[in-house]
Amino acid sequence: MTDTTTIQVSRQARDHLAQITERLAADRKVVRDVIGLDISDEEFDQAPDVLGSIRRIAAEKARVARGAEAA
C-alpha cells in the first residue's frame, strides 16, 4: 500500500501546478500523435530528459557566446 500525505498550498500554487499538469498531458499527446505509438505515462517518466538536456546545452552555448562577445 502506498503512503499518502496531504499538504495545503495556496490557490496560486495549486493553479500553477494544474497548468503544468495540463501542459504535460498535452505535450505527451502531441508526442504520441507524432510518433504514432501509445507510450504510457510511466514510460515517459522513465525516459531520459531530452528537452532538459537540450536546454542545458543551449544555456551553455549562450554563456560561451556572451563570454566571447565580452572579450
PDB file of N, CA and C in Angstrom:
ATOM      1  N   MET A   1       0.834  -1.166   0.000  1.00  0.00           N
ATOM      2  CA  MET A   1       0.000   0.000   0.000  1.00  0.00           C
ATOM      3  C   MET A   1       0.891   1.246   0.000  1.00  0.00           C
ATOM      4  N   THR A   2       0.475   2.264  -0.737  1.00  0.00           N
ATOM      5  CA  THR A   2       1.225   3.496  -0.841  1.00  0.00           C
ATOM      6  C   THR A   2       0.814   4.460   0.257  1.00  0.00           C
ATOM      7  N   ASP A   3       1.804   5.037   0.914  1.00  0.00           N
ATOM      8  CA  ASP A   3       1.519   6.072   1.904  1.00  0.00           C
ATOM      9  C   ASP A   3       1.239   7.377   1.175  1.00  0.00           C
ATOM     10  N   THR A   4       0.289   8.133   1.659  1.00  0.00           N
ATOM     11  CA  THR A   4      -0.019   9.425   1.059  1.00  0.00           C
ATOM     12  C   THR A   4       0.052  10.505   2.127  1.00  0.00           C
ATOM     13  N   THR A   5       0.348  11.688   1.680  1.00  0.00           N
ATOM     14  CA  THR A   5       0.403  12.850   2.552  1.00  0.00           C
ATOM     15  C   THR A   5      -0.365  13.974   1.877  1.00  0.00           C
ATOM     16  N   THR A   6      -1.140  14.677   2.653  1.00  0.00           N
ATOM     17  CA  THR A   6      -1.880  15.816   2.133  1.00  0.00           C
ATOM     18  C   THR A   6      -1.237  17.084   2.662  1.00  0.00           C
ATOM     19  N   ILE A   7      -0.981  18.031   1.755  1.00  0.00           N
ATOM     20  CA  ILE A   7      -0.437  19.319   2.177  1.00  0.00           C
ATOM     21  C   ILE A   7      -1.360  20.420   1.674  1.00  0.00           C
ATOM     22  N   GLN A   8      -1.323  21.529   2.335  1.00  0.00           N
ATOM     23  CA  GLN A   8      -2.101  22.677   1.893  1.00  0.00           C
ATOM     24  C   GLN A   8      -1.180  23.619   1.129  1.00  0.00           C
ATOM     25  N   VAL A   9      -1.657  24.074  -0.006  1.00  0.00           N
ATOM     26  CA  VAL A   9      -0.904  25.032  -0.811  1.00  0.00           C
ATOM     27  C   VAL A   9      -1.820  26.192  -1.149  1.00  0.00           C
ATOM     28  N   SER A  10      -1.223  27.291  -1.525  1.00  0.00           N
ATOM     29  CA  SER A  10      -2.020  28.449  -1.901  1.00  0.00           C
ATOM     30  C   SER A  10      -2.784  28.150  -3.186  1.00  0.00           C
ATOM     31  N   ARG A  11      -3.830  28.902  -3.404  1.00  0.00           N
ATOM     32  CA  ARG A  11      -4.611  28.745  -4.627  1.00  0.00           C
ATOM     33  C   ARG A  11      -3.732  29.006  -5.845  1.00  0.00           C
ATOM     34  N   GLN A  12      -2.839  29.983  -5.734  1.00  0.00           N
ATOM     35  CA  GLN A  12      -1.942  30.302  -6.848  1.00  0.00           C
ATOM     36  C   GLN A  12      -1.036  29.115  -7.166  1.00  0.00           C
ATOM     37  N   ALA A  13      -0.464  28.491  -6.141  1.00  0.00           N
ATOM     38  CA  ALA A  13       0.394  27.325  -6.353  1.00  0.00           C
ATOM     39  C   ALA A  13      -0.400  26.172  -6.952  1.00  0.00           C
ATOM     40  N   ARG A  14      -1.610  25.954  -6.439  1.00  0.00           N
ATOM     41  CA  ARG A  14      -2.456  24.880  -6.968  1.00  0.00           C
ATOM     42  C   ARG A  14      -2.771  25.108  -8.445  1.00  0.00           C
ATOM     43  N   ASP A  15      -3.117  26.355  -8.789  1.00  0.00           N
ATOM     44  CA  ASP A  15      -3.444  26.671 -10.173  1.00  0.00           C
ATOM     45  C   ASP A  15      -2.225  26.510 -11.078  1.00  0.00           C
ATOM     46  N   HIS A  16      -1.061  26.896 -10.576  1.00  0.00           N
ATOM     47  CA  HIS A  16       0.170  26.755 -11.351  1.00  0.00           C
ATOM     48  C   HIS A  16       0.479  25.285 -11.608  1.00  0.00           C
ATOM     49  N   LEU A  17       0.347  24.458 -10.585  1.00  0.00           N
ATOM     50  CA  LEU A  17       0.576  23.019 -10.755  1.00  0.00           C
ATOM     51  C   LEU A  17      -0.430  22.411 -11.725  1.00  0.00           C
ATOM     52  N   ALA A  18      -1.673  22.884 -11.680  1.00  0.00           N
ATOM     53  CA  ALA A  18      -2.694  22.391 -12.610  1.00  0.00           C
ATOM     54  C   ALA A  18      -2.323  22.742 -14.043  1.00  0.00           C
ATOM     55  N   GLN A  19      -1.794  23.954 -14.257  1.00  0.00           N
ATOM     56  CA  GLN A  19      -1.377  24.357 -15.603  1.00  0.00           C
ATOM     57  C   GLN A  19      -0.227  23.492 -16.097  1.00  0.00           C
ATOM     58  N   ILE A  20       0.718  23.212 -15.210  1.00  0.00           N
ATOM     59  CA  ILE A  20       1.851  22.359 -15.587  1.00  0.00           C
ATOM     60  C   ILE A  20       1.350  20.967 -15.958  1.00  0.00           C
ATOM     61  N   THR A  21       0.419  20.447 -15.171  1.00  0.00           N
ATOM     62  CA  THR A  21      -0.134  19.116 -15.431  1.00  0.00           C
ATOM     63  C   THR A  21      -0.844  19.081 -16.779  1.00  0.00           C
ATOM     64  N   GLU A  22      -1.629  20.116 -17.073  1.00  0.00           N
ATOM     65  CA  GLU A  22      -2.340  20.175 -18.352  1.00  0.00           C
ATOM     66  C   GLU A  22      -1.366  20.267 -19.518  1.00  0.00           C
ATOM     67  N   ARG A  23      -0.317  21.074 -19.353  1.00  0.00           N
ATOM     68  CA  ARG A  23       0.665  21.213 -20.429  1.00  0.00           C
ATOM     69  C   ARG A  23       1.418  19.910 -20.659  1.00  0.00           C
ATOM     70  N   LEU A  24       1.785  19.239 -19.573  1.00  0.00           N
ATOM     71  CA  LEU A  24       2.476  17.960 -19.686  1.00  0.00           C
ATOM     72  C   LEU A  24       1.616  16.942 -20.429  1.00  0.00           C
ATOM     73  N   ALA A  25       0.344  16.867 -20.072  1.00  0.00           N
ATOM     74  CA  ALA A  25      -0.569  15.927 -20.742  1.00  0.00           C
ATOM     75  C   ALA A  25      -0.691  16.273 -22.229  1.00  0.00           C
ATOM     76  N   ALA A  26      -0.796  17.566 -22.549  1.00  0.00           N
ATOM     77  CA  ALA A  26      -0.918  17.982 -23.944  1.00  0.00           C
ATOM     78  C   ALA A  26       0.363  17.670 -24.715  1.00  0.00           C
ATOM     79  N   ASP A  27       1.533  17.935 -24.102  1.00  0.00           N
ATOM     80  CA  ASP A  27       2.816  17.647 -24.766  1.00  0.00           C
ATOM     81  C   ASP A  27       2.973  16.158 -25.036  1.00  0.00           C
ATOM     82  N   ARG A  28       2.590  15.348 -24.063  1.00  0.00           N
ATOM     83  CA  ARG A  28       2.689  13.900 -24.251  1.00  0.00           C
ATOM     84  C   ARG A  28       1.749  13.417 -25.348  1.00  0.00           C
ATOM     85  N   LYS A  29       0.578  14.019 -25.440  1.00  0.00           N
ATOM     86  CA  LYS A  29      -0.368  13.651 -26.505  1.00  0.00           C
ATOM     87  C   LYS A  29       0.229  13.970 -27.880  1.00  0.00           C
ATOM     88  N   VAL A  30       0.863  15.127 -27.998  1.00  0.00           N
ATOM     89  CA  VAL A  30       1.497  15.504 -29.266  1.00  0.00           C
ATOM     90  C   VAL A  30       2.574  14.489 -29.633  1.00  0.00           C
ATOM     91  N   VAL A  31       3.407  14.126 -28.678  1.00  0.00           N
ATOM     92  CA  VAL A  31       4.465  13.148 -28.950  1.00  0.00           C
ATOM     93  C   VAL A  31       3.851  11.827 -29.403  1.00  0.00           C
ATOM     94  N   ARG A  32       2.835  11.387 -28.704  1.00  0.00           N
ATOM     95  CA  ARG A  32       2.177  10.120 -29.083  1.00  0.00           C
ATOM     96  C   ARG A  32       1.615  10.203 -30.502  1.00  0.00           C
ATOM     97  N   ASP A  33       0.997  11.340 -30.830  1.00  0.00           N
ATOM     98  CA  ASP A  33       0.417  11.510 -32.169  1.00  0.00           C
ATOM     99  C   ASP A  33       1.498  11.564 -33.244  1.00  0.00           C
ATOM    100  N   VAL A  34       2.597  12.255 -32.962  1.00  0.00           N
ATOM    101  CA  VAL A  34       3.660  12.423 -33.956  1.00  0.00           C
ATOM    102  C   VAL A  34       4.369  11.105 -34.238  1.00  0.00           C
ATOM    103  N   ILE A  35       4.688  10.352 -33.187  1.00  0.00           N
ATOM    104  CA  ILE A  35       5.425   9.108 -33.424  1.00  0.00           C
ATOM    105  C   ILE A  35       4.506   7.933 -33.706  1.00  0.00           C
ATOM    106  N   GLY A  36       3.214   8.123 -33.455  1.00  0.00           N
ATOM    107  CA  GLY A  36       2.250   7.077 -33.785  1.00  0.00           C
ATOM    108  C   GLY A  36       2.281   5.876 -32.864  1.00  0.00           C
ATOM    109  N   LEU A  37       2.795   6.057 -31.654  1.00  0.00           N
ATOM    110  CA  LEU A  37       2.847   4.963 -30.692  1.00  0.00           C
ATOM    111  C   LEU A  37       2.166   5.386 -29.398  1.00  0.00           C
ATOM    112  N   ASP A  38       1.599   4.408 -28.725  1.00  0.00           N
ATOM    113  CA  ASP A  38       0.968   4.684 -27.443  1.00  0.00           C
ATOM    114  C   ASP A  38       1.980   4.448 -26.333  1.00  0.00           C
ATOM    115  N   ILE A  39       2.618   5.514 -25.891  1.00  0.00           N
ATOM    116  CA  ILE A  39       3.605   5.431 -24.818  1.00  0.00           C
ATOM    117  C   ILE A  39       2.896   5.772 -23.516  1.00  0.00           C
ATOM    118  N   SER A  40       3.060   4.933 -22.522  1.00  0.00           N
ATOM    119  CA  SER A  40       2.402   5.174 -21.235  1.00  0.00           C
ATOM    120  C   SER A  40       3.087   6.317 -20.490  1.00  0.00           C
ATOM    121  N   ASP A  41       2.384   6.897 -19.536  1.00  0.00           N
ATOM    122  CA  ASP A  41       2.977   7.943 -18.705  1.00  0.00           C
ATOM    123  C   ASP A  41       4.181   7.403 -17.944  1.00  0.00           C
ATOM    124  N   GLU A  42       4.112   6.152 -17.515  1.00  0.00           N
ATOM    125  CA  GLU A  42       5.235   5.542 -16.816  1.00  0.00           C
ATOM    126  C   GLU A  42       6.466   5.468 -17.717  1.00  0.00           C
ATOM    127  N   GLU A  43       6.255   5.138 -18.997  1.00  0.00           N
ATOM    128  CA  GLU A  43       7.366   5.082 -19.944  1.00  0.00           C
ATOM    129  C   GLU A  43       7.956   6.480 -20.163  1.00  0.00           C
ATOM    130  N   PHE A  44       7.102   7.497 -20.241  1.00  0.00           N
ATOM    131  CA  PHE A  44       7.604   8.869 -20.350  1.00  0.00           C
ATOM    132  C   PHE A  44       8.446   9.220 -19.131  1.00  0.00           C
ATOM    133  N   ASP A  45       7.972   8.844 -17.947  1.00  0.00           N
ATOM    134  CA  ASP A  45       8.676   9.181 -16.706  1.00  0.00           C
ATOM    135  C   ASP A  45      10.042   8.499 -16.625  1.00  0.00           C
ATOM    136  N   GLN A  46      10.179   7.330 -17.249  1.00  0.00           N
ATOM    137  CA  GLN A  46      11.435   6.584 -17.219  1.00  0.00           C
ATOM    138  C   GLN A  46      12.404   7.030 -18.310  1.00  0.00           C
ATOM    139  N   ALA A  47      11.908   7.744 -19.297  1.00  0.00           N
ATOM    140  CA  ALA A  47      12.738   8.158 -20.432  1.00  0.00           C
ATOM    141  C   ALA A  47      13.704   9.272 -20.019  1.00  0.00           C
ATOM    142  N   PRO A  48      14.819   9.388 -20.735  1.00  0.00           N
ATOM    143  CA  PRO A  48      15.749  10.476 -20.433  1.00  0.00           C
ATOM    144  C   PRO A  48      15.092  11.829 -20.678  1.00  0.00           C
ATOM    145  N   ASP A  49      15.564  12.845 -19.971  1.00  0.00           N
ATOM    146  CA  ASP A  49      15.030  14.201 -20.102  1.00  0.00           C
ATOM    147  C   ASP A  49      15.714  14.885 -21.282  1.00  0.00           C
ATOM    148  N   VAL A  50      15.254  14.574 -22.496  1.00  0.00           N
ATOM    149  CA  VAL A  50      15.871  15.091 -23.711  1.00  0.00           C
ATOM    150  C   VAL A  50      15.739  16.609 -23.777  1.00  0.00           C
ATOM    151  N   LEU A  51      14.555  17.129 -23.518  1.00  0.00           N
ATOM    152  CA  LEU A  51      14.351  18.572 -23.586  1.00  0.00           C
ATOM    153  C   LEU A  51      15.220  19.292 -22.554  1.00  0.00           C
ATOM    154  N   GLY A  52      15.316  18.732 -21.365  1.00  0.00           N
ATOM    155  CA  GLY A  52      16.185  19.324 -20.351  1.00  0.00           C
ATOM    156  C   GLY A  52      17.634  19.358 -20.805  1.00  0.00           C
ATOM    157  N   SER A  53      18.067  18.289 -21.457  1.00  0.00           N
ATOM    158  CA  SER A  53      19.439  18.240 -21.977  1.00  0.00           C
ATOM    159  C   SER A  53      19.657  19.297 -23.052  1.00  0.00           C
ATOM    160  N   ILE A  54      18.686  19.458 -23.928  1.00  0.00           N
ATOM    161  CA  ILE A  54      18.787  20.472 -24.976  1.00  0.00           C
ATOM    162  C   ILE A  54      18.860  21.869 -24.355  1.00  0.00           C
ATOM    163  N   ARG A  55      18.051  22.104 -23.341  1.00  0.00           N
ATOM    164  CA  ARG A  55      18.075  23.420 -22.679  1.00  0.00           C
ATOM    165  C   ARG A  55      19.424  23.679 -22.020  1.00  0.00           C
ATOM    166  N   ARG A  56      20.008  22.658 -21.367  1.00  0.00           N
ATOM    167  CA  ARG A  56      21.318  22.830 -20.731  1.00  0.00           C
ATOM    168  C   ARG A  56      22.389  23.137 -21.781  1.00  0.00           C
ATOM    169  N   ILE A  57      22.357  22.429 -22.903  1.00  0.00           N
ATOM    170  CA  ILE A  57      23.327  22.665 -23.974  1.00  0.00           C
ATOM    171  C   ILE A  57      23.171  24.081 -24.515  1.00  0.00           C
ATOM    172  N   ALA A  58      21.925  24.501 -24.760  1.00  0.00           N
ATOM    173  CA  ALA A  58      21.676  25.843 -25.285  1.00  0.00           C
ATOM    174  C   ALA A  58      22.127  26.918 -24.296  1.00  0.00           C
ATOM    175  N   ALA A  59      21.864  26.696 -23.012  1.00  0.00           N
ATOM    176  CA  ALA A  59      22.274  27.664 -22.000  1.00  0.00           C
ATOM    177  C   ALA A  59      23.794  27.786 -21.955  1.00  0.00           C
ATOM    178  N   GLU A  60      24.489  26.663 -22.029  1.00  0.00           N
ATOM    179  CA  GLU A  60      25.950  26.683 -22.019  1.00  0.00           C
ATOM    180  C   GLU A  60      26.482  27.415 -23.247  1.00  0.00           C
ATOM    181  N   LYS A  61      25.912  27.154 -24.415  1.00  0.00           N
ATOM    182  CA  LYS A  61      26.352  27.838 -25.633  1.00  0.00           C
ATOM    183  C   LYS A  61      26.095  29.334 -25.536  1.00  0.00           C
ATOM    184  N   ALA A  62      24.968  29.722 -24.943  1.00  0.00           N
ATOM    185  CA  ALA A  62      24.663  31.146 -24.768  1.00  0.00           C
ATOM    186  C   ALA A  62      25.670  31.799 -23.822  1.00  0.00           C
ATOM    187  N   ARG A  63      26.033  31.110 -22.737  1.00  0.00           N
ATOM    188  CA  ARG A  63      27.030  31.651 -21.802  1.00  0.00           C
ATOM    189  C   ARG A  63      28.381  31.824 -22.502  1.00  0.00           C
ATOM    190  N   VAL A  64      28.784  30.835 -23.297  1.00  0.00           N
ATOM    191  CA  VAL A  64      30.049  30.908 -24.013  1.00  0.00           C
ATOM    192  C   VAL A  64      30.009  32.063 -25.020  1.00  0.00           C
ATOM    193  N   ALA A  65      28.907  32.200 -25.725  1.00  0.00           N
ATOM    194  CA  ALA A  65      28.781  33.272 -26.702  1.00  0.00           C
ATOM    195  C   ALA A  65      28.842  34.646 -26.032  1.00  0.00           C
ATOM    196  N   ARG A  66      28.212  34.798 -24.885  1.00  0.00           N
ATOM    197  CA  ARG A  66      28.264  36.078 -24.157  1.00  0.00           C
ATOM    198  C   ARG A  66      29.695  36.364 -23.699  1.00  0.00           C
ATOM    199  N   GLY A  67      30.383  35.317 -23.271  1.00  0.00           N
ATOM    200  CA  GLY A  67      31.774  35.484 -22.853  1.00  0.00           C
ATOM    201  C   GLY A  67      32.666  35.906 -24.009  1.00  0.00           C
ATOM    202  N   ALA A  68      32.413  35.353 -25.185  1.00  0.00           N
ATOM    203  CA  ALA A  68      33.201  35.703 -26.376  1.00  0.00           C
ATOM    204  C   ALA A  68      32.937  37.141 -26.801  1.00  0.00           C
ATOM    205  N   GLU A  69      31.684  37.599 -26.638  1.00  0.00           N
ATOM    206  CA  GLU A  69      31.339  38.976 -27.013  1.00  0.00           C
ATOM    207  C   GLU A  69      31.996  39.975 -26.069  1.00  0.00           C
ATOM    208  N   ALA A  70      32.132  39.578 -24.791  1.00  0.00           N
ATOM    209  CA  ALA A  70      32.693  40.478 -23.789  1.00  0.00           C
ATOM    210  C   ALA A  70      34.210  40.622 -23.957  1.00  0.00           C
ATOM    211  N   ALA A  71      34.823  39.635 -24.585  1.00  0.00           N
ATOM    212  CA  ALA A  71      36.294  39.645 -24.726  1.00  0.00           C
ATOM    213  C   ALA A  71      36.767  40.558 -25.844  1.00  0.00           C
TER     214      ALA A  71
END
